[in-house]
Amino acid sequence: MDLWVHIALFILLAVPIVVLGAFYNEQDDRAALASLPRRLGVFVFSCALLTAVMLFCEHTFAAVS
């Protein structure tokens, strides 16, 4: 249950970051709106990949028996 709350909060905070980045980067608003799904997917996937690498490193190197 707690995991879903954290995922929802992450998405809630990720959307404004991606929206602002898209509108600052694109000249045309339509192009910015069209790029939002791809940008959000890349952002979420990149964060998930970074999380997986960090958890792997923590499990491998920082584990205390």
PDB file of N, CA and C in Angstrom:
ATOM      1  N   MET A   1       0.829  -1.194   0.000  1.00  0.00           N
ATOM      2  CA  MET A   1       0.000   0.000   0.000  1.00  0.00           C
ATOM      3  C   MET A   1       0.870   1.252   0.000  1.00  0.00           C
ATOM      4  N   ASP A   2       1.880   1.255   0.835  1.00  0.00           N
ATOM      5  CA  ASP A   2       2.757   2.416   0.945  1.00  0.00           C
ATOM      6  C   ASP A   2       3.522   2.671  -0.358  1.00  0.00           C
ATOM      7  N   LEU A   3       3.862   1.605  -1.069  1.00  0.00           N
ATOM      8  CA  LEU A   3       4.568   1.756  -2.340  1.00  0.00           C
ATOM      9  C   LEU A   3       3.722   2.527  -3.336  1.00  0.00           C
ATOM     10  N   TRP A   4       2.430   2.233  -3.419  1.00  0.00           N
ATOM     11  CA  TRP A   4       1.546   2.909  -4.372  1.00  0.00           C
ATOM     12  C   TRP A   4       1.390   4.388  -4.043  1.00  0.00           C
ATOM     13  N   VAL A   5       1.408   4.709  -2.765  1.00  0.00           N
ATOM     14  CA  VAL A   5       1.339   6.118  -2.374  1.00  0.00           C
ATOM     15  C   VAL A   5       2.596   6.846  -2.829  1.00  0.00           C
ATOM     16  N   HIS A   6       3.754   6.218  -2.656  1.00  0.00           N
ATOM     17  CA  HIS A   6       5.004   6.831  -3.077  1.00  0.00           C
ATOM     18  C   HIS A   6       5.066   6.981  -4.605  1.00  0.00           C
ATOM     19  N   ILE A   7       4.596   5.993  -5.323  1.00  0.00           N
ATOM     20  CA  ILE A   7       4.579   6.082  -6.785  1.00  0.00           C
ATOM     21  C   ILE A   7       3.646   7.201  -7.240  1.00  0.00           C
ATOM     22  N   ALA A   8       2.481   7.302  -6.619  1.00  0.00           N
ATOM     23  CA  ALA A   8       1.532   8.365  -6.973  1.00  0.00           C
ATOM     24  C   ALA A   8       2.115   9.746  -6.668  1.00  0.00           C
ATOM     25  N   LEU A   9       2.776   9.888  -5.547  1.00  0.00           N
ATOM     26  CA  LEU A   9       3.399  11.166  -5.210  1.00  0.00           C
ATOM     27  C   LEU A   9       4.527  11.502  -6.178  1.00  0.00           C
ATOM     28  N   PHE A  10       5.293  10.490  -6.579  1.00  0.00           N
ATOM     29  CA  PHE A  10       6.363  10.713  -7.550  1.00  0.00           C
ATOM     30  C   PHE A  10       5.789  11.204  -8.874  1.00  0.00           C
ATOM     31  N   ILE A  11       4.734  10.551  -9.356  1.00  0.00           N
ATOM     32  CA  ILE A  11       4.113  10.968 -10.622  1.00  0.00           C
ATOM     33  C   ILE A  11       3.527  12.366 -10.479  1.00  0.00           C
ATOM     34  N   LEU A  12       2.921  12.650  -9.331  1.00  0.00           N
ATOM     35  CA  LEU A  12       2.342  13.970  -9.092  1.00  0.00           C
ATOM     36  C   LEU A  12       3.405  15.063  -9.159  1.00  0.00           C
ATOM     37  N   LEU A  13       4.597  14.792  -8.665  1.00  0.00           N
ATOM     38  CA  LEU A  13       5.676  15.774  -8.714  1.00  0.00           C
ATOM     39  C   LEU A  13       6.445  15.744 -10.031  1.00  0.00           C
ATOM     40  N   ALA A  14       6.430  14.612 -10.729  1.00  0.00           N
ATOM     41  CA  ALA A  14       7.155  14.508 -11.994  1.00  0.00           C
ATOM     42  C   ALA A  14       6.441  15.251 -13.116  1.00  0.00           C
ATOM     43  N   VAL A  15       5.127  15.269 -13.096  1.00  0.00           N
ATOM     44  CA  VAL A  15       4.375  15.907 -14.188  1.00  0.00           C
ATOM     45  C   VAL A  15       4.712  17.393 -14.320  1.00  0.00           C
ATOM     46  N   PRO A  16       4.712  18.189 -13.240  1.00  0.00           N
ATOM     47  CA  PRO A  16       5.083  19.604 -13.434  1.00  0.00           C
ATOM     48  C   PRO A  16       6.521  19.795 -13.914  1.00  0.00           C
ATOM     49  N   ILE A  17       7.428  18.964 -13.470  1.00  0.00           N
ATOM     50  CA  ILE A  17       8.820  19.066 -13.915  1.00  0.00           C
ATOM     51  C   ILE A  17       8.898  18.838 -15.424  1.00  0.00           C
ATOM     52  N   VAL A  18       8.230  17.802 -15.902  1.00  0.00           N
ATOM     53  CA  VAL A  18       8.261  17.476 -17.324  1.00  0.00           C
ATOM     54  C   VAL A  18       7.523  18.536 -18.138  1.00  0.00           C
ATOM     55  N   VAL A  19       6.388  19.013 -17.639  1.00  0.00           N
ATOM     56  CA  VAL A  19       5.620  20.030 -18.365  1.00  0.00           C
ATOM     57  C   VAL A  19       6.428  21.318 -18.502  1.00  0.00           C
ATOM     58  N   LEU A  20       7.036  21.763 -17.428  1.00  0.00           N
ATOM     59  CA  LEU A  20       7.842  22.986 -17.500  1.00  0.00           C
ATOM     60  C   LEU A  20       9.028  22.812 -18.446  1.00  0.00           C
ATOM     61  N   GLY A  21       9.680  21.661 -18.381  1.00  0.00           N
ATOM     62  CA  GLY A  21      10.794  21.400 -19.290  1.00  0.00           C
ATOM     63  C   GLY A  21      10.361  21.396 -20.743  1.00  0.00           C
ATOM     64  N   ALA A  22       9.196  20.821 -21.009  1.00  0.00           N
ATOM     65  CA  ALA A  22       8.704  20.766 -22.387  1.00  0.00           C
ATOM     66  C   ALA A  22       8.373  22.159 -22.908  1.00  0.00           C
ATOM     67  N   PHE A  23       7.709  22.973 -22.092  1.00  0.00           N
ATOM     68  CA  PHE A  23       7.319  24.296 -22.561  1.00  0.00           C
ATOM     69  C   PHE A  23       8.489  25.258 -22.642  1.00  0.00           C
ATOM     70  N   TYR A  24       9.501  25.075 -21.824  1.00  0.00           N
ATOM     71  CA  TYR A  24      10.691  25.918 -21.944  1.00  0.00           C
ATOM     72  C   TYR A  24      11.535  25.519 -23.147  1.00  0.00           C
ATOM     73  N   ASN A  25      11.485  24.254 -23.540  1.00  0.00           N
ATOM     74  CA  ASN A  25      12.331  23.748 -24.613  1.00  0.00           C
ATOM     75  C   ASN A  25      11.727  23.978 -25.996  1.00  0.00           C
ATOM     76  N   GLU A  26      10.419  23.871 -26.120  1.00  0.00           N
ATOM     77  CA  GLU A  26       9.762  23.960 -27.425  1.00  0.00           C
ATOM     78  C   GLU A  26       9.295  25.386 -27.693  1.00  0.00           C
ATOM     79  N   GLN A  27       9.396  25.806 -28.937  1.00  0.00           N
ATOM     80  CA  GLN A  27       8.919  27.127 -29.349  1.00  0.00           C
ATOM     81  C   GLN A  27       7.396  27.159 -29.479  1.00  0.00           C
ATOM     82  N   ASP A  28       6.847  26.081 -29.987  1.00  0.00           N
ATOM     83  CA  ASP A  28       5.411  26.003 -30.253  1.00  0.00           C
ATOM     84  C   ASP A  28       4.720  25.217 -29.132  1.00  0.00           C
ATOM     85  N   ASP A  29       3.585  25.717 -28.660  1.00  0.00           N
ATOM     86  CA  ASP A  29       2.863  25.043 -27.585  1.00  0.00           C
ATOM     87  C   ASP A  29       2.315  23.692 -28.020  1.00  0.00           C
ATOM     88  N   ARG A  30       1.905  23.594 -29.278  1.00  0.00           N
ATOM     89  CA  ARG A  30       1.381  22.302 -29.759  1.00  0.00           C
ATOM     90  C   ARG A  30       2.469  21.238 -29.777  1.00  0.00           C
ATOM     91  N   ALA A  31       3.655  21.625 -30.175  1.00  0.00           N
ATOM     92  CA  ALA A  31       4.774  20.674 -30.176  1.00  0.00           C
ATOM     93  C   ALA A  31       5.116  20.270 -28.746  1.00  0.00           C
ATOM     94  N   ALA A  32       5.031  21.217 -27.822  1.00  0.00           N
ATOM     95  CA  ALA A  32       5.303  20.899 -26.421  1.00  0.00           C
ATOM     96  C   ALA A  32       4.264  19.925 -25.874  1.00  0.00           C
ATOM     97  N   LEU A  33       2.995  20.169 -26.164  1.00  0.00           N
ATOM     98  CA  LEU A  33       1.939  19.262 -25.707  1.00  0.00           C
ATOM     99  C   LEU A  33       2.071  17.883 -26.340  1.00  0.00           C
ATOM    100  N   ALA A  34       2.452  17.846 -27.603  1.00  0.00           N
ATOM    101  CA  ALA A  34       2.610  16.560 -28.288  1.00  0.00           C
ATOM    102  C   ALA A  34       3.781  15.761 -27.727  1.00  0.00           C
ATOM    103  N   SER A  35       4.787  16.438 -27.205  1.00  0.00           N
ATOM    104  CA  SER A  35       5.965  15.734 -26.701  1.00  0.00           C
ATOM    105  C   SER A  35       5.824  15.305 -25.242  1.00  0.00           C
ATOM    106  N   LEU A  36       4.759  15.726 -24.566  1.00  0.00           N
ATOM    107  CA  LEU A  36       4.615  15.414 -23.141  1.00  0.00           C
ATOM    108  C   LEU A  36       4.586  13.919 -22.811  1.00  0.00           C
ATOM    109  N   PRO A  37       3.797  13.083 -23.506  1.00  0.00           N
ATOM    110  CA  PRO A  37       3.791  11.656 -23.141  1.00  0.00           C
ATOM    111  C   PRO A  37       5.169  10.994 -23.268  1.00  0.00           C
ATOM    112  N   ARG A  38       5.872  11.319 -24.359  1.00  0.00           N
ATOM    113  CA  ARG A  38       7.209  10.727 -24.542  1.00  0.00           C
ATOM    114  C   ARG A  38       8.168  11.232 -23.469  1.00  0.00           C
ATOM    115  N   ARG A  39       8.129  12.520 -23.203  1.00  0.00           N
ATOM    116  CA  ARG A  39       9.016  13.094 -22.195  1.00  0.00           C
ATOM    117  C   ARG A  39       8.736  12.513 -20.802  1.00  0.00           C
ATOM    118  N   LEU A  40       7.452  12.368 -20.473  1.00  0.00           N
ATOM    119  CA  LEU A  40       7.106  11.813 -19.168  1.00  0.00           C
ATOM    120  C   LEU A  40       7.548  10.356 -19.062  1.00  0.00           C
ATOM    121  N   GLY A  41       7.361   9.609 -20.143  1.00  0.00           N
ATOM    122  CA  GLY A  41       7.806   8.212 -20.149  1.00  0.00           C
ATOM    123  C   GLY A  41       9.310   8.082 -19.989  1.00  0.00           C
ATOM    124  N   VAL A  42      10.057   8.913 -20.697  1.00  0.00           N
ATOM    125  CA  VAL A  42      11.516   8.877 -20.586  1.00  0.00           C
ATOM    126  C   VAL A  42      11.954   9.273 -19.171  1.00  0.00           C
ATOM    127  N   PHE A  43      11.313  10.297 -18.612  1.00  0.00           N
ATOM    128  CA  PHE A  43      11.675  10.750 -17.270  1.00  0.00           C
ATOM    129  C   PHE A  43      11.403   9.666 -16.228  1.00  0.00           C
ATOM    130  N   VAL A  44      10.221   9.063 -16.292  1.00  0.00           N
ATOM    131  CA  VAL A  44       9.863   8.024 -15.316  1.00  0.00           C
ATOM    132  C   VAL A  44      10.754   6.801 -15.496  1.00  0.00           C
ATOM    133  N   PHE A  45      11.002   6.389 -16.748  1.00  0.00           N
ATOM    134  CA  PHE A  45      11.870   5.235 -16.990  1.00  0.00           C
ATOM    135  C   PHE A  45      13.290   5.510 -16.497  1.00  0.00           C
ATOM    136  N   SER A  46      13.801   6.706 -16.748  1.00  0.00           N
ATOM    137  CA  SER A  46      15.155   7.043 -16.312  1.00  0.00           C
ATOM    138  C   SER A  46      15.258   7.037 -14.785  1.00  0.00           C
ATOM    139  N   CYS A  47      14.267   7.575 -14.128  1.00  0.00           N
ATOM    140  CA  CYS A  47      14.274   7.568 -12.658  1.00  0.00           C
ATOM    141  C   CYS A  47      14.169   6.147 -12.122  1.00  0.00           C
ATOM    142  N   ALA A  48      13.345   5.306 -12.763  1.00  0.00           N
ATOM    143  CA  ALA A  48      13.223   3.913 -12.336  1.00  0.00           C
ATOM    144  C   ALA A  48      14.540   3.164 -12.544  1.00  0.00           C
ATOM    145  N   LEU A  49      15.207   3.432 -13.658  1.00  0.00           N
ATOM    146  CA  LEU A  49      16.506   2.795 -13.917  1.00  0.00           C
ATOM    147  C   LEU A  49      17.542   3.241 -12.893  1.00  0.00           C
ATOM    148  N   LEU A  50      17.573   4.518 -12.582  1.00  0.00           N
ATOM    149  CA  LEU A  50      18.492   5.026 -11.567  1.00  0.00           C
ATOM    150  C   LEU A  50      18.196   4.400 -10.200  1.00  0.00           C
ATOM    151  N   THR A  51      16.930   4.253  -9.864  1.00  0.00           N
ATOM    152  CA  THR A  51      16.546   3.615  -8.607  1.00  0.00           C
ATOM    153  C   THR A  51      17.011   2.162  -8.567  1.00  0.00           C
ATOM    154  N   ALA A  52      16.841   1.451  -9.673  1.00  0.00           N
ATOM    155  CA  ALA A  52      17.278   0.057  -9.734  1.00  0.00           C
ATOM    156  C   ALA A  52      18.789  -0.060  -9.563  1.00  0.00           C
ATOM    157  N   VAL A  53      19.540   0.817 -10.191  1.00  0.00           N
ATOM    158  CA  VAL A  53      21.002   0.798 -10.051  1.00  0.00           C
ATOM    159  C   VAL A  53      21.400   1.104  -8.609  1.00  0.00           C
ATOM    160  N   MET A  54      20.754   2.078  -8.004  1.00  0.00           N
ATOM    161  CA  MET A  54      21.068   2.419  -6.612  1.00  0.00           C
ATOM    162  C   MET A  54      20.738   1.264  -5.670  1.00  0.00           C
ATOM    163  N   LEU A  55      19.607   0.600  -5.877  1.00  0.00           N
ATOM    164  CA  LEU A  55      19.245  -0.540  -5.032  1.00  0.00           C
ATOM    165  C   LEU A  55      20.202  -1.708  -5.241  1.00  0.00           C
ATOM    166  N   PHE A  56      20.629  -1.927  -6.481  1.00  0.00           N
ATOM    167  CA  PHE A  56      21.605  -2.978  -6.758  1.00  0.00           C
ATOM    168  C   PHE A  56      22.924  -2.689  -6.048  1.00  0.00           C
ATOM    169  N   CYS A  57      23.389  -1.444  -6.145  1.00  0.00           N
ATOM    170  CA  CYS A  57      24.646  -1.075  -5.495  1.00  0.00           C
ATOM    171  C   CYS A  57      24.527  -1.186  -3.975  1.00  0.00           C
ATOM    172  N   GLU A  58      23.390  -0.782  -3.443  1.00  0.00           N
ATOM    173  CA  GLU A  58      23.193  -0.886  -1.997  1.00  0.00           C
ATOM    174  C   GLU A  58      23.178  -2.347  -1.561  1.00  0.00           C
ATOM    175  N   HIS A  59      22.511  -3.188  -2.333  1.00  0.00           N
ATOM    176  CA  HIS A  59      22.435  -4.614  -1.992  1.00  0.00           C
ATOM    177  C   HIS A  59      23.799  -5.286  -2.136  1.00  0.00           C
ATOM    178  N   THR A  60      24.573  -4.881  -3.131  1.00  0.00           N
ATOM    179  CA  THR A  60      25.859  -5.509  -3.408  1.00  0.00           C
ATOM    180  C   THR A  60      26.971  -5.007  -2.496  1.00  0.00           C
ATOM    181  N   PHE A  61      27.087  -3.706  -2.354  1.00  0.00           N
ATOM    182  CA  PHE A  61      28.240  -3.130  -1.679  1.00  0.00           C
ATOM    183  C   PHE A  61      27.983  -2.704  -0.245  1.00  0.00           C
ATOM    184  N   ALA A  62      26.783  -2.314   0.076  1.00  0.00           N
ATOM    185  CA  ALA A  62      26.515  -1.757   1.404  1.00  0.00           C
ATOM    186  C   ALA A  62      25.779  -2.730   2.317  1.00  0.00           C
ATOM    187  N   ALA A  63      25.569  -3.955   1.869  1.00  0.00           N
ATOM    188  CA  ALA A  63      24.867  -4.931   2.692  1.00  0.00           C
ATOM    189  C   ALA A  63      25.749  -5.359   3.860  1.00  0.00           C
ATOM    190  N   VAL A  64      25.154  -5.355   5.032  1.00  0.00           N
ATOM    191  CA  VAL A  64      25.873  -5.778   6.238  1.00  0.00           C
ATOM    192  C   VAL A  64      25.229  -7.048   6.720  1.00  0.00           C
ATOM    193  N   SER A  65      26.034  -8.081   6.882  1.00  0.00           N
ATOM    194  CA  SER A  65      25.498  -9.371   7.335  1.00  0.00           C
ATOM    195  C   SER A  65      25.429  -9.436   8.836  1.00  0.00           C
TER     196      SER A  65
END
